[in-house]
Amino acid sequence: MTHADLFRFIEQSKLGVLSSIGSAGEPQSALVGFAVTDDLQIVFDTVKASRKYGNLKARPACSFVFGWKGERTVQYEGIAEELDGRQLQQYQEVYFQTWPDGFSRSQWPGIVYFLVKPKWIRYSDFDKNPPLILEFTF
């Protein structure tokens, strides 16, 4: 599996489970719509009133799981940062290509965008025998 193959697999998912760390150290998860960049960075929106917003601002380490057709998945660990200024505009374009309805949400009060940069990714395909498991570090 190449970097491009990994990008295509993640891109096809469009939804992923995001896990963040709550104030007492407990895991919290949410299903989010996302977009992925060519360099495997994840962009998603949320509102400031959400638990994930407070979690990621205070503790930016997070993880995702993508895909679940058959037994093929990607586990993704990274660091989240809230986007603003020029970066916000750049990554909103990527996000809106995947989620055109995201443009109307961009007008919501309290809407924000996060970029997650990968630190570790594992691709697993248990549909194969023997299973294919590959890890990538960044």
C-alpha atoms as a PDB file:
ATOM      1  CA  MET A   1       0.000   0.000   0.000  1.00  0.00           C
ATOM      2  CA  THR A   2       1.406   3.357  -1.046  1.00  0.00           C
ATOM      3  CA  HIS A   3       0.834   6.808   0.427  1.00  0.00           C
ATOM      4  CA  ALA A   4      -1.593   7.462  -2.475  1.00  0.00           C
ATOM      5  CA  ASP A   5      -3.496   4.226  -1.724  1.00  0.00           C
ATOM      6  CA  LEU A   6      -3.832   5.263   1.904  1.00  0.00           C
ATOM      7  CA  PHE A   7      -5.115   8.704   0.848  1.00  0.00           C
ATOM      8  CA  ARG A   8      -7.751   7.112  -1.429  1.00  0.00           C
ATOM      9  CA  PHE A   9      -8.909   4.733   1.290  1.00  0.00           C
ATOM     10  CA  ILE A  10      -9.306   7.524   3.854  1.00  0.00           C
ATOM     11  CA  GLU A  11     -10.919   9.848   1.308  1.00  0.00           C
ATOM     12  CA  GLN A  12     -13.606   7.270   0.485  1.00  0.00           C
ATOM     13  CA  SER A  13     -14.726   7.097   4.101  1.00  0.00           C
ATOM     14  CA  LYS A  14     -15.998  10.701   4.491  1.00  0.00           C
ATOM     15  CA  LEU A  15     -17.047   9.869   8.068  1.00  0.00           C
ATOM     16  CA  GLY A  16     -14.782   8.894  10.912  1.00  0.00           C
ATOM     17  CA  VAL A  17     -14.897   8.354  14.638  1.00  0.00           C
ATOM     18  CA  LEU A  18     -12.868  11.047  16.399  1.00  0.00           C
ATOM     19  CA  SER A  19     -11.662  10.332  19.930  1.00  0.00           C
ATOM     20  CA  SER A  20     -10.415  13.077  22.205  1.00  0.00           C
ATOM     21  CA  ILE A  21      -9.472  13.262  25.884  1.00  0.00           C
ATOM     22  CA  GLY A  22     -11.892  14.781  28.390  1.00  0.00           C
ATOM     23  CA  SER A  23     -10.932  16.986  31.324  1.00  0.00           C
ATOM     24  CA  ALA A  24     -10.736  14.040  33.745  1.00  0.00           C
ATOM     25  CA  GLY A  25      -8.647  11.999  31.282  1.00  0.00           C
ATOM     26  CA  GLU A  26     -11.584   9.959  30.009  1.00  0.00           C
ATOM     27  CA  PRO A  27     -11.915   9.110  26.306  1.00  0.00           C
ATOM     28  CA  GLN A  28     -14.763  10.748  24.387  1.00  0.00           C
ATOM     29  CA  SER A  29     -15.729   9.860  20.820  1.00  0.00           C
ATOM     30  CA  ALA A  30     -17.897  11.401  18.122  1.00  0.00           C
ATOM     31  CA  LEU A  31     -18.706  10.622  14.505  1.00  0.00           C
ATOM     32  CA  VAL A  32     -17.546  13.513  12.286  1.00  0.00           C
ATOM     33  CA  GLY A  33     -17.587  14.350   8.610  1.00  0.00           C
ATOM     34  CA  PHE A  34     -14.099  15.197   7.431  1.00  0.00           C
ATOM     35  CA  ALA A  35     -11.907  15.910   4.429  1.00  0.00           C
ATOM     36  CA  VAL A  36      -8.381  14.637   3.906  1.00  0.00           C
ATOM     37  CA  THR A  37      -5.486  16.451   2.227  1.00  0.00           C
ATOM     38  CA  ASP A  38      -2.926  14.839  -0.078  1.00  0.00           C
ATOM     39  CA  ASP A  39      -0.482  14.747   2.833  1.00  0.00           C
ATOM     40  CA  LEU A  40      -3.033  12.877   5.006  1.00  0.00           C
ATOM     41  CA  GLN A  41      -4.052  15.791   7.199  1.00  0.00           C
ATOM     42  CA  ILE A  42      -7.669  15.716   8.388  1.00  0.00           C
ATOM     43  CA  VAL A  43      -9.964  18.773   8.318  1.00  0.00           C
ATOM     44  CA  PHE A  44     -13.319  18.900  10.095  1.00  0.00           C
ATOM     45  CA  ASP A  45     -15.728  21.419  11.540  1.00  0.00           C
ATOM     46  CA  THR A  46     -17.436  21.546  14.910  1.00  0.00           C
ATOM     47  CA  VAL A  47     -19.036  24.107  17.181  1.00  0.00           C
ATOM     48  CA  LYS A  48     -17.430  25.669  20.241  1.00  0.00           C
ATOM     49  CA  ALA A  49     -20.214  24.263  22.435  1.00  0.00           C
ATOM     50  CA  SER A  50     -19.195  20.660  21.645  1.00  0.00           C
ATOM     51  CA  ARG A  51     -17.191  18.514  24.041  1.00  0.00           C
ATOM     52  CA  LYS A  52     -14.593  17.816  21.347  1.00  0.00           C
ATOM     53  CA  TYR A  53     -13.862  21.533  20.958  1.00  0.00           C
ATOM     54  CA  GLY A  54     -12.922  22.005  24.609  1.00  0.00           C
ATOM     55  CA  ASN A  55     -11.060  18.709  24.666  1.00  0.00           C
ATOM     56  CA  LEU A  56      -8.949  19.487  21.588  1.00  0.00           C
ATOM     57  CA  LYS A  57      -8.153  23.026  22.685  1.00  0.00           C
ATOM     58  CA  ALA A  58      -6.895  21.794  26.072  1.00  0.00           C
ATOM     59  CA  ARG A  59      -5.432  18.448  24.922  1.00  0.00           C
ATOM     60  CA  PRO A  60      -4.798  18.375  21.158  1.00  0.00           C
ATOM     61  CA  ALA A  61      -3.781  14.704  20.939  1.00  0.00           C
ATOM     62  CA  CYS A  62      -6.575  12.759  19.257  1.00  0.00           C
ATOM     63  CA  SER A  63      -7.315   9.697  17.172  1.00  0.00           C
ATOM     64  CA  PHE A  64      -9.645   8.598  14.379  1.00  0.00           C
ATOM     65  CA  VAL A  65     -10.927   5.355  12.951  1.00  0.00           C
ATOM     66  CA  PHE A  66     -11.886   5.375   9.268  1.00  0.00           C
ATOM     67  CA  GLY A  67     -13.598   2.765   7.144  1.00  0.00           C
ATOM     68  CA  TRP A  68     -15.482  -0.283   8.201  1.00  0.00           C
ATOM     69  CA  LYS A  69     -16.605  -1.946   4.996  1.00  0.00           C
ATOM     70  CA  GLY A  70     -15.584  -5.509   5.445  1.00  0.00           C
ATOM     71  CA  GLU A  71     -12.648  -5.679   7.794  1.00  0.00           C
ATOM     72  CA  ARG A  72     -10.531  -2.867   6.347  1.00  0.00           C
ATOM     73  CA  THR A  73      -9.821   0.080   8.616  1.00  0.00           C
ATOM     74  CA  VAL A  74      -7.395   2.882   9.287  1.00  0.00           C
ATOM     75  CA  GLN A  75      -6.404   3.864  12.807  1.00  0.00           C
ATOM     76  CA  TYR A  76      -5.015   7.405  12.857  1.00  0.00           C
ATOM     77  CA  GLU A  77      -3.329   9.301  15.680  1.00  0.00           C
ATOM     78  CA  GLY A  78      -2.428  12.965  15.449  1.00  0.00           C
ATOM     79  CA  ILE A  79      -2.369  16.446  16.880  1.00  0.00           C
ATOM     80  CA  ALA A  80      -5.257  18.867  16.307  1.00  0.00           C
ATOM     81  CA  GLU A  81      -5.041  22.616  15.900  1.00  0.00           C
ATOM     82  CA  GLU A  82      -7.832  25.121  15.445  1.00  0.00           C
ATOM     83  CA  LEU A  83      -7.522  26.908  12.116  1.00  0.00           C
ATOM     84  CA  ASP A  84      -7.653  30.659  11.612  1.00  0.00           C
ATOM     85  CA  GLY A  85      -6.595  33.348   9.150  1.00  0.00           C
ATOM     86  CA  ARG A  86      -5.075  32.255   5.840  1.00  0.00           C
ATOM     87  CA  GLN A  87      -4.791  28.647   6.943  1.00  0.00           C
ATOM     88  CA  LEU A  88      -8.516  28.595   7.666  1.00  0.00           C
ATOM     89  CA  GLN A  89      -9.367  29.738   4.139  1.00  0.00           C
ATOM     90  CA  GLN A  90      -6.948  27.260   2.562  1.00  0.00           C
ATOM     91  CA  TYR A  91      -8.320  24.260   4.448  1.00  0.00           C
ATOM     92  CA  GLN A  92     -11.962  25.337   4.182  1.00  0.00           C
ATOM     93  CA  GLU A  93     -11.547  24.977   0.404  1.00  0.00           C
ATOM     94  CA  VAL A  94     -10.433  21.371   0.901  1.00  0.00           C
ATOM     95  CA  TYR A  95     -13.300  20.726   3.304  1.00  0.00           C
ATOM     96  CA  PHE A  96     -15.945  22.306   1.048  1.00  0.00           C
ATOM     97  CA  GLN A  97     -14.821  20.154  -1.896  1.00  0.00           C
ATOM     98  CA  THR A  98     -15.769  17.085   0.132  1.00  0.00           C
ATOM     99  CA  TRP A  99     -18.720  18.663   1.938  1.00  0.00           C
ATOM    100  CA  PRO A 100     -20.348  21.364  -0.269  1.00  0.00           C
ATOM    101  CA  ASP A 101     -23.053  21.858   2.385  1.00  0.00           C
ATOM    102  CA  GLY A 102     -20.250  22.865   4.753  1.00  0.00           C
ATOM    103  CA  PHE A 103     -20.295  26.326   3.217  1.00  0.00           C
ATOM    104  CA  SER A 104     -23.736  27.030   4.667  1.00  0.00           C
ATOM    105  CA  ARG A 105     -22.597  25.695   8.059  1.00  0.00           C
ATOM    106  CA  SER A 106     -19.639  28.090   7.960  1.00  0.00           C
ATOM    107  CA  GLN A 107     -22.138  30.845   8.792  1.00  0.00           C
ATOM    108  CA  TRP A 108     -23.287  29.184  12.022  1.00  0.00           C
ATOM    109  CA  PRO A 109     -22.432  31.006  15.242  1.00  0.00           C
ATOM    110  CA  GLY A 110     -19.513  29.332  16.994  1.00  0.00           C
ATOM    111  CA  ILE A 111     -18.433  27.126  14.071  1.00  0.00           C
ATOM    112  CA  VAL A 112     -14.716  26.333  13.989  1.00  0.00           C
ATOM    113  CA  TYR A 113     -12.395  24.155  11.914  1.00  0.00           C
ATOM    114  CA  PHE A 114      -9.639  21.853  13.059  1.00  0.00           C
ATOM    115  CA  LEU A 115      -6.676  20.432  11.192  1.00  0.00           C
ATOM    116  CA  VAL A 116      -5.198  17.173  12.462  1.00  0.00           C
ATOM    117  CA  LYS A 117      -1.651  16.312  11.447  1.00  0.00           C
ATOM    118  CA  PRO A 118      -0.806  12.606  11.524  1.00  0.00           C
ATOM    119  CA  LYS A 119       1.757  11.112  13.857  1.00  0.00           C
ATOM    120  CA  TRP A 120       0.936   7.417  13.356  1.00  0.00           C
ATOM    121  CA  ILE A 121      -1.364   5.512  10.995  1.00  0.00           C
ATOM    122  CA  ARG A 122      -2.154   1.805  10.818  1.00  0.00           C
ATOM    123  CA  TYR A 123      -3.941   0.272   7.831  1.00  0.00           C
ATOM    124  CA  SER A 124      -5.482  -3.138   8.530  1.00  0.00           C
ATOM    125  CA  ASP A 125      -7.089  -5.470   6.015  1.00  0.00           C
ATOM    126  CA  PHE A 126      -8.428  -8.588   7.704  1.00  0.00           C
ATOM    127  CA  ASP A 127     -10.351  -9.511   4.546  1.00  0.00           C
ATOM    128  CA  LYS A 128      -7.016 -10.898   3.304  1.00  0.00           C
ATOM    129  CA  ASN A 129      -5.506 -14.172   4.425  1.00  0.00           C
ATOM    130  CA  PRO A 130      -3.038 -13.636   5.928  1.00  0.00           C
ATOM    131  CA  PRO A 131      -4.138 -10.160   7.052  1.00  0.00           C
ATOM    132  CA  LEU A 132      -2.316  -7.104   5.707  1.00  0.00           C
ATOM    133  CA  ILE A 133      -1.264  -4.683   8.459  1.00  0.00           C
ATOM    134  CA  LEU A 134       0.920  -1.669   7.674  1.00  0.00           C
ATOM    135  CA  GLU A 135       2.073   1.139   9.951  1.00  0.00           C
ATOM    136  CA  PHE A 136       3.214   4.619   8.981  1.00  0.00           C
ATOM    137  CA  THR A 137       4.885   7.167  11.245  1.00  0.00           C
ATOM    138  CA  PHE A 138       5.241  10.889  10.617  1.00  0.00           C
END
